[in-house]
Protein backbone atom coordinates (compact mmCIF):
# COMPACT_ATOMS: atom_id res chain seq x y z
CA MET A 1 114.52 -58.60 67.35
CA GLN A 2 113.56 -55.21 68.81
CA THR A 3 116.15 -52.47 68.89
CA SER A 4 114.71 -49.29 69.68
CA ASN A 5 117.01 -49.24 73.00
CA CYS A 6 120.36 -49.49 70.74
CA ILE A 7 119.53 -46.27 68.21
CA HIS A 8 121.25 -43.52 68.79
CA VAL A 9 123.39 -41.50 65.99
CA ASN A 10 124.46 -38.10 66.62
CA SER A 11 127.00 -37.65 63.46
CA GLU A 12 127.94 -38.61 60.57
CA ILE A 13 131.50 -39.84 61.59
CA GLY A 14 131.33 -41.83 64.87
CA THR A 15 131.94 -45.03 65.41
CA LEU A 16 129.49 -47.32 63.29
CA LYS A 17 127.86 -50.25 66.04
CA ARG A 18 124.86 -51.00 64.02
CA LEU A 19 123.04 -50.12 60.72
CA LEU A 20 120.62 -51.32 58.31
CA ILE A 21 121.30 -52.25 54.85
CA HIS A 22 119.14 -54.06 51.87
CA SER A 23 121.18 -56.79 50.23
CA PRO A 24 120.39 -56.56 45.69
CA ASP A 25 117.35 -58.57 45.13
CA GLY A 26 116.14 -60.12 42.10
CA GLY A 27 114.08 -56.82 41.17
CA ILE A 28 116.99 -54.58 40.61
CA GLY A 29 117.45 -57.81 37.84
CA LYS A 30 114.13 -57.22 36.30
CA VAL A 31 114.81 -53.08 35.29
CA VAL A 32 114.89 -52.78 31.49
CA PRO A 33 115.88 -49.39 29.29
CA ASP A 34 112.28 -48.67 28.85
CA LYS A 35 111.71 -47.99 32.52
CA PHE A 36 114.63 -46.28 33.59
CA ARG A 37 113.77 -42.63 34.08
CA GLU A 38 110.10 -43.73 35.95
CA TRP A 39 112.41 -46.74 38.26
CA LEU A 40 115.22 -43.81 38.69
CA TYR A 41 118.25 -46.21 36.71
CA ASP A 42 120.47 -45.22 33.89
CA ASP A 43 121.88 -48.16 32.82
CA THR A 44 120.95 -52.10 33.31
CA VAL A 45 122.77 -53.95 35.89
CA HIS A 46 124.62 -57.37 36.11
CA LEU A 47 123.23 -58.52 38.79
CA GLU A 48 125.08 -61.20 39.56
CA GLU A 49 128.49 -59.31 39.67
CA MET A 50 126.81 -56.95 41.64
CA ARG A 51 125.84 -59.21 44.53
CA ARG A 52 129.55 -60.25 44.26
CA GLU A 53 130.74 -56.66 44.98
CA TYR A 54 127.95 -55.74 47.59
CA ASN A 55 129.47 -58.88 49.23
CA GLU A 56 132.22 -57.02 49.97
CA TYR A 57 130.73 -54.32 51.39
CA VAL A 58 128.76 -56.33 53.53
CA LYS A 59 131.95 -58.68 54.71
CA LEU A 60 133.77 -55.42 55.48
CA LEU A 61 131.21 -53.92 57.93
CA LEU A 62 131.23 -57.53 59.52
CA TYR A 63 135.00 -57.14 60.22
CA PHE A 64 134.09 -53.45 61.35
CA LEU A 65 130.67 -54.18 63.55
CA ASP A 66 129.90 -58.03 64.36
CA PRO A 67 133.76 -59.37 63.92
CA GLU A 68 132.16 -62.57 65.53
CA LYS A 69 130.68 -63.58 62.00
CA ILE A 70 133.80 -63.62 60.35
CA PRO A 71 134.47 -67.00 60.53
CA TYR A 72 131.46 -68.33 59.87
CA ILE A 73 131.34 -65.86 56.21
CA LEU A 74 134.81 -67.62 55.45
CA GLU A 75 133.45 -70.93 56.07
CA CYS A 76 130.64 -70.53 54.27
CA GLU A 77 132.21 -69.20 51.22
CA LYS A 78 135.24 -71.57 51.16
CA LYS A 79 132.48 -74.66 51.10
CA GLN A 80 130.28 -72.26 48.61
CA LYS A 81 133.24 -71.13 46.28
CA ASP A 82 132.00 -72.27 43.26
CA LYS A 83 128.54 -70.71 43.92
CA LYS A 84 127.45 -67.65 42.68
CA GLN A 85 125.84 -65.97 45.51
CA PRO A 86 126.88 -67.90 48.88
CA SER A 87 124.05 -68.57 50.97
CA CYS A 88 125.33 -66.81 54.05
CA TYR A 89 124.58 -63.69 52.44
CA LYS A 90 121.15 -64.65 51.60
CA PRO A 91 118.54 -62.78 53.79
CA GLY A 92 116.22 -65.74 53.79
CA HIS A 93 118.01 -68.57 53.63
CA PRO A 94 118.89 -70.53 56.85
CA ASP A 95 122.82 -70.46 55.86
CA TYR A 96 122.06 -66.45 56.15
CA PHE A 97 124.68 -64.79 58.89
CA ASN A 98 121.72 -63.11 60.55
CA SER A 99 123.70 -60.08 62.50
CA ASP A 100 121.89 -57.96 65.46
CA LYS A 101 124.46 -55.15 63.65
CA VAL A 102 124.17 -55.39 59.75
CA MET A 103 120.61 -56.28 59.74
CA ASP A 104 118.82 -56.36 56.41
CA THR A 105 115.38 -54.85 55.67
CA GLN A 106 114.03 -57.85 53.89
CA TYR A 107 115.13 -59.78 56.96
CA LEU A 108 113.25 -57.15 59.47
CA LEU A 109 109.92 -57.20 57.11
CA ALA A 110 109.88 -61.22 57.59
CA LYS A 111 110.26 -61.00 61.13
CA VAL A 112 107.09 -58.66 61.12
CA LEU A 113 105.34 -61.04 58.65
CA GLU A 114 105.10 -63.56 61.51
CA ASP A 115 102.67 -61.92 63.12
CA ASP A 116 99.40 -63.11 61.21
CA ILE A 117 97.65 -60.04 61.88
CA LYS A 118 100.49 -57.81 61.07
CA ARG A 119 100.84 -60.10 57.93
CA GLN A 120 97.67 -59.40 56.60
CA ARG A 121 97.70 -55.72 57.14
CA ILE A 122 101.23 -55.42 55.53
CA ILE A 123 99.79 -57.52 52.51
CA SER A 124 96.59 -55.54 52.29
CA ALA A 125 98.30 -52.31 52.31
CA VAL A 126 100.84 -53.36 49.26
CA CYS A 127 98.18 -54.30 47.15
CA ALA A 128 96.05 -51.14 47.78
CA TRP A 129 98.68 -49.41 47.19
CA GLU A 130 99.75 -50.73 44.09
CA GLY A 131 95.97 -51.64 42.51
CA CYS A 132 96.24 -55.22 42.85
CA SER A 133 93.37 -57.42 42.27
CA PHE A 134 91.48 -60.29 44.77
CA ALA A 135 93.10 -62.59 43.07
CA THR A 136 96.62 -61.90 43.50
CA GLU A 137 96.29 -60.25 47.53
CA GLN A 138 95.16 -64.31 47.73
CA LYS A 139 98.26 -65.64 46.03
CA LEU A 140 100.64 -63.67 48.07
CA ASP A 141 98.41 -64.56 51.36
CA ALA A 142 98.88 -68.14 50.31
CA ILE A 143 102.77 -68.30 50.72
CA GLU A 144 103.20 -69.57 54.05
CA ASP A 145 107.05 -68.86 54.83
CA SER A 146 107.51 -65.50 55.84
CA PHE A 147 110.83 -64.74 53.92
CA THR A 148 109.52 -65.85 50.57
CA LEU A 149 107.19 -63.42 51.53
CA ALA A 150 109.10 -60.43 52.03
CA LYS A 151 111.29 -61.38 49.15
CA VAL A 152 107.89 -61.11 46.81
CA LEU A 153 106.65 -57.75 48.40
CA ILE A 154 109.97 -56.19 48.21
CA SER A 155 111.08 -57.93 44.50
CA GLY A 156 107.33 -57.81 43.21
CA VAL A 157 108.21 -60.95 41.56
CA LEU A 158 105.92 -63.90 42.63
CA TYR A 159 107.51 -67.85 41.89
CA SER A 160 105.79 -70.67 41.37
CA PRO A 161 106.18 -73.43 43.60
CA ASP A 162 108.12 -75.09 41.21
CA ASN A 163 110.22 -72.29 41.00
CA ASP A 164 110.39 -72.73 36.98
CA SER A 165 108.22 -69.77 36.21
CA LYS A 166 108.08 -66.40 37.86
CA ASP A 167 105.66 -63.99 37.16
CA PHE A 168 105.88 -59.63 38.25
CA VAL A 169 102.73 -59.06 40.53
CA PHE A 170 103.67 -55.46 41.11
CA PRO A 171 106.94 -53.47 40.14
CA PRO A 172 110.23 -53.79 41.80
CA LEU A 173 112.04 -51.58 43.95
CA PRO A 174 115.46 -51.36 42.58
CA ASN A 175 116.87 -48.55 44.29
CA PHE A 176 115.67 -50.70 48.12
CA ILE A 177 119.28 -50.97 48.02
CA PHE A 178 119.92 -47.22 48.80
CA THR A 179 118.20 -47.74 52.87
CA ARG A 180 119.91 -44.11 53.75
CA ASP A 181 116.72 -42.34 51.61
CA ILE A 182 113.78 -44.43 53.74
CA SER A 183 114.62 -42.84 56.81
CA ILE A 184 117.20 -41.09 59.28
CA ILE A 185 118.07 -41.36 62.96
CA ILE A 186 118.48 -37.94 64.64
CA ASN A 187 119.87 -39.16 68.07
CA ASP A 188 117.62 -41.46 69.42
CA HIS A 189 114.37 -40.07 66.80
CA LEU A 190 113.46 -41.68 63.52
CA LEU A 191 113.04 -39.28 60.51
CA LEU A 192 110.15 -41.16 57.99
CA SER A 193 111.17 -40.27 54.48
CA ASN A 194 108.57 -39.47 52.17
CA ALA A 195 109.39 -40.37 48.91
CA ALA A 196 109.70 -38.21 46.07
CA THR A 197 108.77 -40.59 43.63
CA ALA A 198 106.08 -43.12 42.65
CA ALA A 199 109.44 -45.41 42.28
CA ARG A 200 109.93 -45.60 45.86
CA GLU A 201 106.67 -45.09 47.90
CA ARG A 202 106.30 -48.61 48.55
CA GLU A 203 109.67 -48.57 49.86
CA THR A 204 108.75 -46.07 52.27
CA LEU A 205 105.42 -48.18 53.58
CA LEU A 206 107.39 -51.43 53.55
CA MET A 207 109.61 -49.38 56.16
CA LYS A 208 106.92 -47.73 58.25
CA PHE A 209 105.90 -51.26 59.35
CA ILE A 210 109.15 -52.22 60.18
CA VAL A 211 109.97 -49.37 61.85
CA TYR A 212 106.57 -49.20 63.77
CA ASN A 213 106.76 -53.14 64.54
CA ASN A 214 110.67 -53.47 65.16
CA LEU A 215 112.70 -50.64 65.47
CA PHE A 216 110.34 -48.58 66.93
CA LYS A 217 108.14 -51.01 68.43
CA SER A 218 107.82 -49.79 71.91
CA THR A 219 108.71 -46.36 71.44
CA HIS A 220 106.74 -44.96 68.05
CA GLU A 221 106.40 -41.51 70.36
CA ARG A 222 110.30 -41.19 68.42
CA VAL A 223 109.30 -41.49 65.45
CA ILE A 224 108.80 -38.61 62.74
CA GLU A 225 106.29 -38.55 60.11
CA ILE A 226 106.31 -36.14 57.01
CA SER A 227 103.67 -36.30 54.99
CA GLU A 228 101.11 -34.09 52.42
CA SER A 229 99.26 -31.52 54.55
CA SER A 230 95.82 -32.15 54.44
CA ASP A 231 94.15 -29.99 52.51
CA PHE A 232 96.24 -30.93 49.11
CA PHE A 233 93.92 -33.17 47.38
CA LEU A 234 92.24 -29.62 47.07
CA LEU A 235 95.37 -28.17 44.67
CA ASN A 236 95.36 -28.31 41.21
CA ALA A 237 97.64 -30.26 39.74
CA ASP A 238 100.58 -27.67 39.01
CA GLU A 239 99.79 -26.61 42.19
CA GLN A 240 100.41 -29.87 43.60
CA LYS A 241 104.00 -30.04 41.85
CA ASP A 242 104.52 -26.76 43.49
CA TYR A 243 103.80 -27.56 46.85
CA LYS A 244 104.19 -31.41 46.97
CA THR A 245 105.69 -32.49 50.82
CA SER A 246 109.30 -34.83 50.16
CA VAL A 247 111.84 -35.56 51.77
CA GLU A 248 114.50 -38.40 51.17
CA GLY A 249 117.42 -39.41 53.88
CA GLY A 250 120.30 -38.65 51.12
CA ASP A 251 119.20 -34.72 51.60
CA VAL A 252 119.47 -34.95 55.66
CA MET A 253 122.84 -35.50 58.17
CA MET A 254 122.68 -35.46 61.44
CA ILE A 255 126.35 -33.82 61.51
CA ALA A 256 126.85 -32.70 64.74
CA PRO A 257 125.23 -33.57 68.26
CA ASN A 258 122.49 -30.56 67.99
CA HIS A 259 122.91 -29.62 64.43
CA LEU A 260 120.65 -30.93 61.29
CA VAL A 261 121.43 -30.23 57.85
CA ILE A 262 118.69 -30.81 55.18
CA GLY A 263 118.86 -30.13 51.39
CA TYR A 264 116.58 -28.57 48.95
CA SER A 265 117.46 -30.53 45.93
CA GLU A 266 115.41 -32.72 43.27
CA ARG A 267 114.39 -35.12 45.67
CA THR A 268 113.26 -33.05 48.62
CA THR A 269 111.02 -30.42 48.78
CA PRO A 270 110.61 -26.63 50.41
CA SER A 271 107.06 -28.10 52.51
CA ALA A 272 108.52 -30.83 53.59
CA ILE A 273 111.75 -29.01 54.91
CA ASP A 274 109.56 -26.39 56.71
CA ASP A 275 107.63 -29.10 58.75
CA VAL A 276 110.78 -31.15 59.56
CA ILE A 277 112.10 -28.04 60.55
CA HIS A 278 108.99 -27.16 63.14
CA LYS A 279 108.71 -30.93 63.67
CA VAL A 280 112.32 -31.01 65.26
CA PHE A 281 112.34 -28.20 66.85
CA ALA A 282 108.37 -28.48 68.89
CA ASN A 283 110.31 -31.71 69.84
CA ASN A 284 112.02 -31.36 73.22
CA LYS A 285 113.72 -34.36 73.42
CA THR A 286 115.16 -34.72 69.46
CA GLY A 287 118.11 -32.27 70.88
CA ILE A 288 118.67 -30.29 67.73
CA GLU A 289 119.09 -26.56 68.19
CA LYS A 290 120.29 -26.19 64.62
CA ILE A 291 119.41 -26.51 61.39
CA SER A 292 121.42 -25.80 58.07
CA VAL A 293 119.58 -25.78 54.87
CA ILE A 294 121.60 -26.39 52.09
CA LYS A 295 119.65 -25.32 48.56
CA ILE A 296 121.89 -27.02 44.92
CA PRO A 297 120.32 -27.48 41.98
CA LYS A 298 117.75 -29.94 40.47
CA HIS A 299 119.74 -32.28 38.87
CA ARG A 300 120.07 -35.79 38.31
CA SER A 301 123.77 -36.15 38.95
CA VAL A 302 122.91 -34.46 42.25
CA MET A 303 120.10 -35.71 43.15
CA HIS A 304 121.21 -35.68 47.15
CA ILE A 305 122.91 -33.65 49.16
CA ASP A 306 125.12 -36.54 49.79
CA THR A 307 126.28 -36.92 46.39
CA VAL A 308 127.87 -33.49 46.54
CA PHE A 309 129.35 -34.03 49.86
CA THR A 310 130.23 -36.42 52.82
CA HIS A 311 132.68 -35.71 56.38
CA VAL A 312 135.15 -38.00 56.37
CA ARG A 313 137.19 -36.90 59.47
CA LYS A 314 136.55 -34.27 62.25
CA ASP A 315 138.59 -32.05 60.48
CA THR A 316 138.24 -33.11 56.48
CA TRP A 317 135.35 -33.38 54.22
CA ILE A 318 135.09 -34.94 50.55
CA LEU A 319 133.05 -31.80 48.31
CA PHE A 320 132.46 -31.73 44.25
CA GLY A 321 134.58 -28.77 43.85
CA LYS A 322 131.50 -27.09 40.95
CA PHE A 323 130.18 -26.37 44.95
CA SER A 324 133.33 -24.53 46.64
CA GLU A 325 132.99 -21.00 46.69
CA LYS A 326 136.95 -20.82 46.54
CA VAL A 327 136.94 -22.98 43.23
CA VAL A 328 134.58 -21.06 41.68
CA GLN A 329 136.66 -18.15 42.26
CA GLN A 330 139.61 -19.81 40.47
CA LYS A 331 137.76 -21.23 37.79
CA ASN A 332 139.67 -23.18 35.06
CA GLU A 333 139.86 -21.92 31.58
CA LYS A 334 140.58 -25.54 30.02
CA GLN A 335 137.38 -26.76 31.20
CA TYR A 336 135.44 -23.77 29.76
CA ALA A 337 137.18 -24.28 26.36
CA TYR A 338 136.32 -27.63 26.64
CA TYR A 339 132.96 -26.97 27.46
CA LEU A 340 132.63 -24.38 23.96
CA ASP A 341 134.30 -26.45 21.44
CA LEU A 342 133.25 -29.42 22.42
CA LEU A 343 129.83 -29.16 23.95
CA ASP A 344 129.10 -26.41 22.01
CA ARG A 345 127.05 -25.03 24.80
CA LYS A 346 126.80 -21.77 27.21
CA ILE A 347 128.18 -22.45 30.99
CA THR A 348 125.39 -22.05 32.89
CA ALA A 349 125.79 -21.30 36.58
CA ASP A 350 123.68 -23.27 37.85
CA TYR A 351 126.24 -25.31 39.77
CA GLU A 352 127.41 -21.65 41.57
CA SER A 353 123.59 -21.01 42.59
CA VAL A 354 124.14 -22.36 46.69
CA GLU A 355 122.17 -21.28 49.46
CA ILE A 356 122.55 -21.64 52.84
CA LEU A 357 119.89 -20.76 55.36
CA ARG A 358 120.17 -21.64 58.82
CA PHE A 359 117.33 -21.91 61.56
CA TYR A 360 118.01 -21.87 65.45
CA LYS A 361 115.57 -23.31 68.06
CA PRO A 362 114.36 -20.59 70.77
CA ILE A 363 116.29 -20.98 73.93
CA ASN A 364 115.21 -18.61 76.29
CA GLU A 365 111.23 -18.18 74.85
CA ALA A 366 108.23 -20.88 74.11
CA TYR A 367 108.17 -22.47 70.68
CA GLU A 368 105.94 -21.15 68.22
CA PRO A 369 104.32 -23.30 65.71
CA GLY A 370 104.48 -21.35 62.04
CA LYS A 371 107.48 -19.23 63.82
CA ASN A 372 110.03 -17.96 60.85
CA TYR A 373 113.08 -18.84 63.31
CA ARG A 374 115.78 -17.87 60.57
CA GLN A 375 118.95 -15.98 61.22
CA ASP A 376 121.19 -14.27 59.23
CA ILE A 377 124.11 -16.42 58.85
CA ARG A 378 125.92 -14.31 55.63
CA GLY A 379 128.57 -12.96 57.83
CA LYS A 380 130.35 -16.19 58.78
CA ILE A 381 128.84 -18.43 55.88
CA SER A 382 129.58 -17.33 52.47
CA GLY A 383 128.64 -20.80 50.34
CA LEU A 384 128.70 -24.44 51.19
CA GLU A 385 132.75 -25.02 51.55
CA SER A 386 132.42 -22.08 54.19
CA LEU A 387 129.38 -24.09 56.00
CA LEU A 388 131.46 -26.97 55.79
CA ARG A 389 134.54 -24.94 57.50
CA ASN A 390 132.14 -23.69 59.96
CA ILE A 391 130.99 -27.18 61.35
CA SER A 392 134.65 -28.50 61.71
CA ILE A 393 135.40 -25.22 62.97
CA GLU A 394 132.32 -24.38 65.76
CA ASP A 395 130.70 -28.02 66.58
CA TYR A 396 133.98 -30.18 66.46
CA GLY A 397 136.57 -27.28 67.85
CA VAL A 398 138.89 -28.16 65.05
CA PRO A 399 141.29 -24.75 64.36
CA GLU A 400 140.59 -23.01 61.66
CA ASN A 401 143.97 -23.33 59.65
CA GLU A 402 143.73 -27.61 59.75
CA VAL A 403 140.13 -27.98 58.11
CA LYS A 404 140.81 -29.97 55.08
CA ILE A 405 138.58 -30.10 51.87
CA ILE A 406 139.27 -33.22 49.59
CA TYR A 407 137.51 -32.46 45.95
CA SER A 408 136.00 -34.58 43.87
CA GLY A 409 138.70 -35.73 40.75
CA ASN A 410 141.14 -33.66 43.22
CA ASN A 411 139.17 -30.73 41.30
CA ILE A 412 140.39 -31.73 38.08
CA PHE A 413 138.69 -31.17 34.71
CA PRO A 414 136.86 -33.38 33.78
CA PHE A 415 137.75 -35.94 36.23
CA ASP A 416 135.80 -34.01 38.93
CA GLU A 417 132.44 -34.15 37.12
CA ARG A 418 133.68 -37.72 35.86
CA GLU A 419 134.28 -39.31 39.24
CA GLN A 420 131.34 -37.18 40.85
CA TRP A 421 128.70 -39.58 38.94
CA THR A 422 130.26 -42.73 40.33
CA ASP A 423 129.68 -41.32 43.98
CA SER A 424 133.34 -40.15 44.90
CA CYS A 425 131.86 -37.95 47.10
CA ASN A 426 129.17 -40.16 48.90
CA LEU A 427 131.34 -41.73 51.22
CA LEU A 428 130.63 -44.16 54.71
CA ALA A 429 132.63 -43.12 57.99
CA LEU A 430 132.92 -46.33 59.54
CA LYS A 431 134.59 -44.29 62.18
CA ASP A 432 136.45 -41.02 62.32
CA GLY A 433 138.47 -40.46 59.11
CA VAL A 434 138.08 -44.17 58.29
CA VAL A 435 135.40 -44.02 55.50
CA VAL A 436 134.28 -46.17 52.07
CA GLY A 437 134.25 -45.67 48.45
CA TYR A 438 134.51 -46.80 45.71
CA ASP A 439 138.19 -47.97 43.65
CA ARG A 440 137.05 -46.34 40.19
CA ASN A 441 137.35 -43.11 41.66
CA ASP A 442 141.33 -42.66 40.63
CA ILE A 443 141.83 -39.08 40.62
CA THR A 444 139.86 -38.55 44.23
CA ILE A 445 141.77 -41.46 45.60
CA GLN A 446 144.85 -39.66 44.74
CA GLY A 447 143.72 -36.82 46.18
CA PHE A 448 142.81 -38.60 49.56
CA ILE A 449 146.46 -39.89 49.54
CA GLU A 450 148.02 -36.43 48.91
CA ASN A 451 145.90 -35.57 52.24
CA GLY A 452 148.04 -37.86 54.27
CA PHE A 453 145.24 -40.99 54.34
CA ASN A 454 145.79 -44.61 53.26
CA CYS A 455 144.25 -45.62 50.69
CA ILE A 456 143.61 -49.75 50.05
CA ARG A 457 141.13 -52.58 48.56
CA ALA A 458 138.83 -53.92 50.61
CA ALA A 459 139.84 -57.52 49.14
CA ASP A 460 143.51 -56.14 50.34
CA LEU A 461 142.63 -55.44 53.87
CA PHE A 462 140.62 -58.72 54.75
CA LYS A 463 143.84 -60.49 53.23
CA LYS A 464 145.70 -58.15 56.83
CA PHE A 465 143.01 -58.91 58.80
CA GLU A 466 142.88 -62.99 58.06
CA SER A 467 146.72 -63.06 58.56
CA LYS A 468 146.61 -61.09 61.54
CA GLU A 469 148.85 -58.05 60.40
CA LEU A 470 146.09 -56.16 61.27
CA THR A 471 142.25 -55.35 62.96
CA PRO A 472 140.17 -52.93 62.59
CA TYR A 473 140.46 -51.22 65.34
CA ASP A 474 144.25 -50.41 64.05
CA VAL A 475 143.07 -49.09 60.63
CA HIS A 476 142.82 -44.98 60.69
CA ASP A 477 142.97 -42.34 58.21
CA THR A 478 141.79 -44.59 55.67
CA LEU A 479 139.92 -44.96 52.40
CA ILE A 480 138.72 -48.35 51.91
CA LEU A 481 137.83 -49.00 48.28
CA LEU A 482 135.08 -51.47 46.79
CA PRO A 483 135.21 -53.27 43.86
CA SER A 484 132.08 -51.14 41.71
CA ALA A 485 131.88 -52.23 38.36
CA GLU A 486 128.09 -52.73 38.88
CA LEU A 487 127.71 -51.23 42.26
CA SER A 488 128.45 -47.47 40.71
CA ARG A 489 125.68 -48.35 38.22
CA ALA A 490 122.64 -48.26 40.09
CA ARG A 491 124.01 -44.30 40.91
CA GLY A 492 124.36 -44.18 44.31
CA GLY A 493 127.46 -45.43 46.95
CA SER A 494 128.12 -46.52 50.20
CA HIS A 495 126.57 -43.93 52.20
CA CYS A 496 123.43 -44.65 49.91
CA MET A 497 123.62 -48.02 51.02
CA SER A 498 123.65 -47.61 54.59
CA MET A 499 121.13 -46.43 57.55
CA PRO A 500 123.08 -45.65 60.39
CA LEU A 501 121.01 -46.83 63.39
CA LEU A 502 123.90 -47.24 66.22
CA ARG A 503 127.00 -44.64 66.20
CA GLU A 504 129.45 -43.80 69.31
CA ASN A 505 129.78 -40.58 70.48
CA ILE A 506 132.66 -38.30 68.76
CA LYS A 507 135.33 -38.05 71.62
CA SER A 508 136.04 -34.01 71.87
């Protein structure tokens, strides 16, 4: 399945037509408390329940992107209602729904592995990366079924033929569910991420094989790679920390047809941002004319910019209020009393230290590598909320008085912080004004209702679809709620769990 001719994303809110996901695999069920920090988890996850919740997400995507698959899914669920995981949701199972619009990384990797030469390259690359023994490499090479091999390369678990015993051959990839971070589509190009942590480096490696041998098989020139400088190895350990080159998709937003937004965060470094800016501007076919860079604090709770804000509708955004210059001016005294009395610590200005930079591609002059194309925008953009309003006004033609900001937890402490932690700001737009979020963020949901949005649980929406009361086409200005008791424990929302490959152009 080659899809390079069906890849184009020029906004965060255009009607979604194709995307890449990754269903929770067995590796997530292997996370132990002693490895939380290393594997980027904060809690153990009940895998069976997580899969049930994720299946609702997949089903929702199919209703909107590939409704022809729905009768098959419903029939499978009916026949296998007593099973923990209906086989139609398993990427390696013969009953898998196999959509060319809702595609799974495990399935795509398995298709690449069907080629013997590529299969050997992938096995060798992964074993070299993970420092496997030759005996382990032979065990992997002996796996004949490509779908089984893909499962092993992702989960890190080697199952015996009788399926009674299972052995770790290398670490799992419990964060692979967050496909947004692995790469990002910039118009019809792809920016391949360079993971910030060792726990996610094999994801980048596997994605590289998927990109070059499937998604962009005949259009390699459209792939933009970011890597360490050639002399990086000469730096000492402290210098390498300062000059590390890493960028993750959660910090990159294709916010408008000619406008890219990049976050400088815990996971994305200045050297990577510099590399992205120059490679994008040097490529005349990316269509990018301006790049906004947002510096946010390096906190676990705000690891990427898409945990701070996402685009809901041309005129509407969801934002964590601590990053709003408007909210900072209206500090809640009760909040500070709570901090001082109960937490016994001083208030820091970390959340207020947001910086916005803007870079413009030269129009009437030749691009010069290494030149600084930053322009002073302090006169019109004073902070993050100001930037979001500017995007709606400047890029989408929204009148200034019509731009809306919905806040995490409705900007009420402590719900703003609690619900931001469970991804109230991390929403995926299925189309302009229709977004997917978690059902546990009650106060944020109320904020959507107060701003004229409908809010409905995914399961209730399915009933309306099945009764013909509604069709996906009829859904407008709506926040669709996914069950999230376990999904939210993995520290990512629907925006994180998606890598859009194709969106319709936004109508002006």
